[in-house]
Amino acid sequence: MGEMIKMVVVLTVLSVVSGGGLSWLKDFTGPKIENQEMNLVKGPAIRAILKDSEKDPVENRFKIQDGETERNIFVGVFNGKPDTVILESVANGFADKVGMVVAINMTDSTLRGVAVTTHKETPGLGARAKSDPSFSAQFAGKPLTVPVQVSQDGGNITALSGATITSRAVCAGVTKAIEKYNELKPQLEEKIKSMGN
């Protein structure tokens, strides 16, 4: 019986030490991973969408609490006014999840732009959702009140040839971002108002 108690105590101590070590490692590496992701993955897409912003939208960002999720909100400043926000979104593509950033002009309630940031779609087909500027250009200027769908589903977005599933995923991600924007709009407006110029 004494051996059993020793074994339980040793396993408990090892579990506590391992758990504490993993928690410390997560806390230590988390900000570094986020910084790398921001500079190498999301940042270039965000800066491309808001290339004429008077302030760097990656630097000019804030976090907002959405239930248990903390969201990064990127802000574009045009003519001295912070009038554009970028939200991150994700949807199921052909091979895996498709990550994207969606820019919304708060003044006229339109999409300013969309860019795919992460994916595992088929090279030469679905992967073009990230690399084909003519595909992403279709979203700019679309009103938030019109459903974002590919033309096969009655929408006004032309799907990538041979990659309808990926194209639908991008449309679904944009729709999710619009829904989230509408839900968080009062908080976003308050936060942006407090940012000033």
C-alpha atoms as a PDB file:
ATOM      1  CA  MET A   1       0.000   0.000   0.000  1.00  0.00           C
ATOM      2  CA  GLY A   2       2.897   2.384   0.831  1.00  0.00           C
ATOM      3  CA  GLU A   3       4.389   1.882  -2.658  1.00  0.00           C
ATOM      4  CA  MET A   4       1.056   2.820  -4.221  1.00  0.00           C
ATOM      5  CA  ILE A   5       0.892   6.068  -2.226  1.00  0.00           C
ATOM      6  CA  LYS A   6       4.508   6.925  -3.219  1.00  0.00           C
ATOM      7  CA  MET A   7       3.661   6.326  -6.877  1.00  0.00           C
ATOM      8  CA  VAL A   8       0.554   8.540  -6.669  1.00  0.00           C
ATOM      9  CA  VAL A   9       2.552  11.310  -4.949  1.00  0.00           C
ATOM     10  CA  VAL A  10       5.351  11.118  -7.544  1.00  0.00           C
ATOM     11  CA  LEU A  11       2.872  11.169 -10.439  1.00  0.00           C
ATOM     12  CA  THR A  12       1.032  14.122  -8.894  1.00  0.00           C
ATOM     13  CA  VAL A  13       4.271  16.079  -8.439  1.00  0.00           C
ATOM     14  CA  LEU A  14       5.372  15.281 -12.004  1.00  0.00           C
ATOM     15  CA  SER A  15       1.979  16.352 -13.360  1.00  0.00           C
ATOM     16  CA  VAL A  16       2.059  19.643 -11.464  1.00  0.00           C
ATOM     17  CA  VAL A  17       5.638  20.406 -12.573  1.00  0.00           C
ATOM     18  CA  SER A  18       4.904  19.458 -16.201  1.00  0.00           C
ATOM     19  CA  GLY A  19       1.675  21.466 -16.269  1.00  0.00           C
ATOM     20  CA  GLY A  20       3.376  24.481 -14.725  1.00  0.00           C
ATOM     21  CA  GLY A  21       6.248  24.218 -17.203  1.00  0.00           C
ATOM     22  CA  LEU A  22       3.893  24.034 -20.172  1.00  0.00           C
ATOM     23  CA  SER A  23       1.873  26.969 -18.870  1.00  0.00           C
ATOM     24  CA  TRP A  24       5.052  29.039 -18.453  1.00  0.00           C
ATOM     25  CA  LEU A  25       6.212  28.052 -21.951  1.00  0.00           C
ATOM     26  CA  LYS A  26       2.878  29.127 -23.438  1.00  0.00           C
ATOM     27  CA  ASP A  27       3.010  32.466 -21.617  1.00  0.00           C
ATOM     28  CA  PHE A  28       6.631  32.988 -22.664  1.00  0.00           C
ATOM     29  CA  THR A  29       6.244  32.077 -26.346  1.00  0.00           C
ATOM     30  CA  GLY A  30       2.675  33.372 -26.914  1.00  0.00           C
ATOM     31  CA  PRO A  31       3.597  37.025 -27.521  1.00  0.00           C
ATOM     32  CA  LYS A  32       6.547  36.046 -29.727  1.00  0.00           C
ATOM     33  CA  ILE A  33       4.359  33.779 -31.868  1.00  0.00           C
ATOM     34  CA  GLU A  34       1.695  36.496 -32.158  1.00  0.00           C
ATOM     35  CA  ASN A  35       4.365  39.025 -33.164  1.00  0.00           C
ATOM     36  CA  GLN A  36       5.767  36.717 -35.875  1.00  0.00           C
ATOM     37  CA  GLU A  37       2.267  35.931 -37.133  1.00  0.00           C
ATOM     38  CA  MET A  38       1.483  39.644 -37.244  1.00  0.00           C
ATOM     39  CA  ASN A  39       4.657  40.567 -39.117  1.00  0.00           C
ATOM     40  CA  LEU A  40       4.838  37.677 -41.564  1.00  0.00           C
ATOM     41  CA  VAL A  41       1.273  36.459 -42.165  1.00  0.00           C
ATOM     42  CA  LYS A  42      -1.446  38.939 -41.272  1.00  0.00           C
ATOM     43  CA  GLY A  43       0.476  42.213 -41.387  1.00  0.00           C
ATOM     44  CA  PRO A  44       1.313  42.157 -45.113  1.00  0.00           C
ATOM     45  CA  ALA A  45      -2.320  41.398 -46.029  1.00  0.00           C
ATOM     46  CA  ILE A  46      -3.677  44.093 -43.697  1.00  0.00           C
ATOM     47  CA  ARG A  47      -1.212  46.696 -44.952  1.00  0.00           C
ATOM     48  CA  ALA A  48      -2.031  45.816 -48.568  1.00  0.00           C
ATOM     49  CA  ILE A  49      -5.772  46.325 -48.043  1.00  0.00           C
ATOM     50  CA  LEU A  50      -5.233  49.603 -46.188  1.00  0.00           C
ATOM     51  CA  LYS A  51      -2.185  50.763 -48.145  1.00  0.00           C
ATOM     52  CA  ASP A  52      -3.309  54.420 -48.145  1.00  0.00           C
ATOM     53  CA  SER A  53      -3.992  54.551 -44.402  1.00  0.00           C
ATOM     54  CA  GLU A  54      -2.345  57.511 -42.708  1.00  0.00           C
ATOM     55  CA  LYS A  55      -1.343  55.281 -39.776  1.00  0.00           C
ATOM     56  CA  ASP A  56       0.031  51.749 -39.853  1.00  0.00           C
ATOM     57  CA  PRO A  57      -3.074  49.589 -39.237  1.00  0.00           C
ATOM     58  CA  VAL A  58      -1.002  46.822 -37.649  1.00  0.00           C
ATOM     59  CA  GLU A  59       0.449  49.239 -35.103  1.00  0.00           C
ATOM     60  CA  ASN A  60      -2.892  51.078 -34.837  1.00  0.00           C
ATOM     61  CA  ARG A  61      -4.840  48.130 -33.433  1.00  0.00           C
ATOM     62  CA  PHE A  62      -6.660  47.258 -30.264  1.00  0.00           C
ATOM     63  CA  LYS A  63      -8.177  44.192 -28.667  1.00  0.00           C
ATOM     64  CA  ILE A  64     -11.844  43.815 -27.921  1.00  0.00           C
ATOM     65  CA  GLN A  65     -13.505  41.204 -25.729  1.00  0.00           C
ATOM     66  CA  ASP A  66     -16.104  39.093 -27.540  1.00  0.00           C
ATOM     67  CA  GLY A  67     -17.488  36.691 -24.955  1.00  0.00           C
ATOM     68  CA  GLU A  68     -14.523  34.523 -24.003  1.00  0.00           C
ATOM     69  CA  THR A  69     -12.603  35.440 -27.171  1.00  0.00           C
ATOM     70  CA  GLU A  70     -10.241  38.389 -27.396  1.00  0.00           C
ATOM     71  CA  ARG A  71     -10.230  39.813 -30.932  1.00  0.00           C
ATOM     72  CA  ASN A  72      -7.635  41.961 -32.666  1.00  0.00           C
ATOM     73  CA  ILE A  73      -9.195  44.933 -34.448  1.00  0.00           C
ATOM     74  CA  PHE A  74      -7.027  46.786 -36.945  1.00  0.00           C
ATOM     75  CA  VAL A  75      -7.867  50.402 -37.739  1.00  0.00           C
ATOM     76  CA  GLY A  76      -7.352  52.342 -40.960  1.00  0.00           C
ATOM     77  CA  VAL A  77      -7.199  56.134 -40.839  1.00  0.00           C
ATOM     78  CA  PHE A  78      -8.220  58.083 -43.943  1.00  0.00           C
ATOM     79  CA  ASN A  79      -8.465  61.882 -44.209  1.00  0.00           C
ATOM     80  CA  GLY A  80      -7.609  62.104 -40.526  1.00  0.00           C
ATOM     81  CA  LYS A  81     -10.525  59.897 -39.537  1.00  0.00           C
ATOM     82  CA  PRO A  82     -10.346  56.305 -38.239  1.00  0.00           C
ATOM     83  CA  ASP A  83     -13.159  54.957 -40.406  1.00  0.00           C
ATOM     84  CA  THR A  84     -12.117  51.420 -41.354  1.00  0.00           C
ATOM     85  CA  VAL A  85     -11.779  48.317 -39.211  1.00  0.00           C
ATOM     86  CA  ILE A  86     -10.344  44.945 -40.113  1.00  0.00           C
ATOM     87  CA  LEU A  87     -11.619  41.792 -38.474  1.00  0.00           C
ATOM     88  CA  GLU A  88     -10.143  38.325 -38.792  1.00  0.00           C
ATOM     89  CA  SER A  89     -12.344  35.466 -39.942  1.00  0.00           C
ATOM     90  CA  VAL A  90     -12.094  31.786 -40.817  1.00  0.00           C
ATOM     91  CA  ALA A  91     -14.225  29.319 -42.789  1.00  0.00           C
ATOM     92  CA  ASN A  92     -13.969  25.709 -43.934  1.00  0.00           C
ATOM     93  CA  GLY A  93     -12.345  25.385 -47.346  1.00  0.00           C
ATOM     94  CA  PHE A  94     -11.696  22.367 -49.571  1.00  0.00           C
ATOM     95  CA  ALA A  95      -8.644  21.020 -47.713  1.00  0.00           C
ATOM     96  CA  ASP A  96      -8.805  22.802 -44.377  1.00  0.00           C
ATOM     97  CA  LYS A  97      -9.708  26.121 -42.784  1.00  0.00           C
ATOM     98  CA  VAL A  98      -9.187  29.329 -44.773  1.00  0.00           C
ATOM     99  CA  GLY A  99      -8.109  32.301 -42.657  1.00  0.00           C
ATOM    100  CA  MET A 100      -8.729  35.846 -43.872  1.00  0.00           C
ATOM    101  CA  VAL A 101      -8.907  39.483 -42.914  1.00  0.00           C
ATOM    102  CA  VAL A 102     -11.958  41.568 -43.833  1.00  0.00           C
ATOM    103  CA  ALA A 103     -11.869  45.377 -43.990  1.00  0.00           C
ATOM    104  CA  ILE A 104     -15.095  47.267 -43.370  1.00  0.00           C
ATOM    105  CA  ASN A 105     -15.611  50.966 -44.027  1.00  0.00           C
ATOM    106  CA  MET A 106     -17.665  52.096 -41.031  1.00  0.00           C
ATOM    107  CA  THR A 107     -18.689  55.399 -42.645  1.00  0.00           C
ATOM    108  CA  ASP A 108     -20.495  54.009 -45.678  1.00  0.00           C
ATOM    109  CA  SER A 109     -21.073  50.398 -44.462  1.00  0.00           C
ATOM    110  CA  THR A 110     -19.201  48.747 -47.323  1.00  0.00           C
ATOM    111  CA  LEU A 111     -16.387  46.255 -47.652  1.00  0.00           C
ATOM    112  CA  ARG A 112     -13.058  47.971 -48.250  1.00  0.00           C
ATOM    113  CA  GLY A 113     -11.209  44.756 -49.001  1.00  0.00           C
ATOM    114  CA  VAL A 114     -10.608  41.085 -48.265  1.00  0.00           C
ATOM    115  CA  ALA A 115      -7.382  39.081 -48.157  1.00  0.00           C
ATOM    116  CA  VAL A 116      -6.732  35.399 -47.461  1.00  0.00           C
ATOM    117  CA  THR A 117      -3.948  34.977 -44.907  1.00  0.00           C
ATOM    118  CA  THR A 118      -3.746  31.221 -44.287  1.00  0.00           C
ATOM    119  CA  HIS A 119      -4.924  28.140 -46.156  1.00  0.00           C
ATOM    120  CA  LYS A 120      -4.030  24.605 -47.225  1.00  0.00           C
ATOM    121  CA  GLU A 121      -5.919  24.718 -50.499  1.00  0.00           C
ATOM    122  CA  THR A 122      -4.777  23.033 -53.713  1.00  0.00           C
ATOM    123  CA  PRO A 123      -1.890  24.863 -55.441  1.00  0.00           C
ATOM    124  CA  GLY A 124      -3.005  26.393 -58.734  1.00  0.00           C
ATOM    125  CA  LEU A 125      -6.686  26.098 -57.798  1.00  0.00           C
ATOM    126  CA  GLY A 126      -7.961  27.090 -54.348  1.00  0.00           C
ATOM    127  CA  ALA A 127      -4.602  28.599 -53.416  1.00  0.00           C
ATOM    128  CA  ARG A 128      -5.365  31.375 -55.912  1.00  0.00           C
ATOM    129  CA  ALA A 129      -7.829  32.801 -53.369  1.00  0.00           C
ATOM    130  CA  LYS A 130      -4.725  34.239 -51.710  1.00  0.00           C
ATOM    131  CA  SER A 131      -2.636  35.070 -54.758  1.00  0.00           C
ATOM    132  CA  ASP A 132      -5.141  36.226 -57.416  1.00  0.00           C
ATOM    133  CA  PRO A 133      -5.795  39.956 -56.926  1.00  0.00           C
ATOM    134  CA  SER A 134      -8.772  39.926 -59.311  1.00  0.00           C
ATOM    135  CA  PHE A 135     -10.605  37.497 -57.010  1.00  0.00           C
ATOM    136  CA  SER A 136     -10.173  39.565 -53.842  1.00  0.00           C
ATOM    137  CA  ALA A 137     -10.830  42.833 -55.713  1.00  0.00           C
ATOM    138  CA  GLN A 138     -14.446  41.732 -56.294  1.00  0.00           C
ATOM    139  CA  PHE A 139     -15.288  42.277 -52.618  1.00  0.00           C
ATOM    140  CA  ALA A 140     -14.240  45.943 -52.393  1.00  0.00           C
ATOM    141  CA  GLY A 141     -17.148  48.367 -52.336  1.00  0.00           C
ATOM    142  CA  LYS A 142     -19.828  45.723 -51.743  1.00  0.00           C
ATOM    143  CA  PRO A 143     -22.518  46.917 -49.308  1.00  0.00           C
ATOM    144  CA  LEU A 144     -22.794  45.040 -46.028  1.00  0.00           C
ATOM    145  CA  THR A 145     -26.518  44.555 -46.594  1.00  0.00           C
ATOM    146  CA  VAL A 146     -26.122  42.373 -49.706  1.00  0.00           C
ATOM    147  CA  PRO A 147     -25.373  38.649 -49.116  1.00  0.00           C
ATOM    148  CA  VAL A 148     -21.788  37.743 -50.018  1.00  0.00           C
ATOM    149  CA  GLN A 149     -22.110  34.689 -52.261  1.00  0.00           C
ATOM    150  CA  VAL A 150     -20.616  33.247 -55.412  1.00  0.00           C
ATOM    151  CA  SER A 151     -22.660  33.654 -58.576  1.00  0.00           C
ATOM    152  CA  GLN A 152     -23.560  29.923 -58.572  1.00  0.00           C
ATOM    153  CA  ASP A 153     -25.431  30.601 -55.332  1.00  0.00           C
ATOM    154  CA  GLY A 154     -27.138  33.757 -56.595  1.00  0.00           C
ATOM    155  CA  GLY A 155     -24.467  36.216 -55.452  1.00  0.00           C
ATOM    156  CA  ASN A 156     -22.222  38.618 -57.330  1.00  0.00           C
ATOM    157  CA  ILE A 157     -18.781  37.083 -56.644  1.00  0.00           C
ATOM    158  CA  THR A 158     -17.265  35.136 -59.531  1.00  0.00           C
ATOM    159  CA  ALA A 159     -15.775  31.930 -58.137  1.00  0.00           C
ATOM    160  CA  LEU A 160     -12.228  30.930 -58.976  1.00  0.00           C
ATOM    161  CA  SER A 161     -12.243  28.471 -61.853  1.00  0.00           C
ATOM    162  CA  GLY A 162     -11.940  24.947 -60.452  1.00  0.00           C
ATOM    163  CA  ALA A 163     -12.135  26.221 -56.874  1.00  0.00           C
ATOM    164  CA  THR A 164     -15.786  26.870 -56.117  1.00  0.00           C
ATOM    165  CA  ILE A 165     -15.515  25.347 -52.628  1.00  0.00           C
ATOM    166  CA  THR A 166     -12.642  27.666 -51.699  1.00  0.00           C
ATOM    167  CA  SER A 167     -14.485  30.639 -53.195  1.00  0.00           C
ATOM    168  CA  ARG A 168     -17.555  29.748 -51.139  1.00  0.00           C
ATOM    169  CA  ALA A 169     -15.333  29.489 -48.049  1.00  0.00           C
ATOM    170  CA  VAL A 170     -14.046  33.024 -48.581  1.00  0.00           C
ATOM    171  CA  CYS A 171     -17.602  34.289 -49.017  1.00  0.00           C
ATOM    172  CA  ALA A 172     -18.645  32.453 -45.838  1.00  0.00           C
ATOM    173  CA  GLY A 173     -15.717  33.963 -43.937  1.00  0.00           C
ATOM    174  CA  VAL A 174     -16.613  37.451 -45.156  1.00  0.00           C
ATOM    175  CA  THR A 175     -20.229  36.893 -44.119  1.00  0.00           C
ATOM    176  CA  LYS A 176     -19.093  35.798 -40.640  1.00  0.00           C
ATOM    177  CA  ALA A 177     -16.929  38.909 -40.338  1.00  0.00           C
ATOM    178  CA  ILE A 178     -19.852  41.149 -41.332  1.00  0.00           C
ATOM    179  CA  GLU A 179     -22.100  39.439 -38.779  1.00  0.00           C
ATOM    180  CA  LYS A 180     -19.438  39.845 -36.089  1.00  0.00           C
ATOM    181  CA  TYR A 181     -18.948  43.510 -37.077  1.00  0.00           C
ATOM    182  CA  ASN A 182     -22.693  44.178 -36.763  1.00  0.00           C
ATOM    183  CA  GLU A 183     -22.707  42.482 -33.362  1.00  0.00           C
ATOM    184  CA  LEU A 184     -19.673  44.413 -32.066  1.00  0.00           C
ATOM    185  CA  LYS A 185     -20.426  47.725 -33.833  1.00  0.00           C
ATOM    186  CA  PRO A 186     -21.419  49.718 -30.714  1.00  0.00           C
ATOM    187  CA  GLN A 187     -18.217  48.635 -28.914  1.00  0.00           C
ATOM    188  CA  LEU A 188     -16.100  49.325 -32.005  1.00  0.00           C
ATOM    189  CA  GLU A 189     -17.555  52.798 -32.469  1.00  0.00           C
ATOM    190  CA  GLU A 190     -16.981  53.628 -28.796  1.00  0.00           C
ATOM    191  CA  LYS A 191     -13.385  52.392 -28.879  1.00  0.00           C
ATOM    192  CA  ILE A 192     -12.583  54.209 -32.127  1.00  0.00           C
ATOM    193  CA  LYS A 193     -14.161  57.410 -30.809  1.00  0.00           C
ATOM    194  CA  SER A 194     -11.832  57.229 -27.804  1.00  0.00           C
ATOM    195  CA  MET A 195      -8.817  56.767 -30.114  1.00  0.00           C
ATOM    196  CA  GLY A 196      -9.278  60.235 -31.570  1.00  0.00           C
ATOM    197  CA  ASN A 197      -6.953  61.143 -34.419  1.00  0.00           C
END
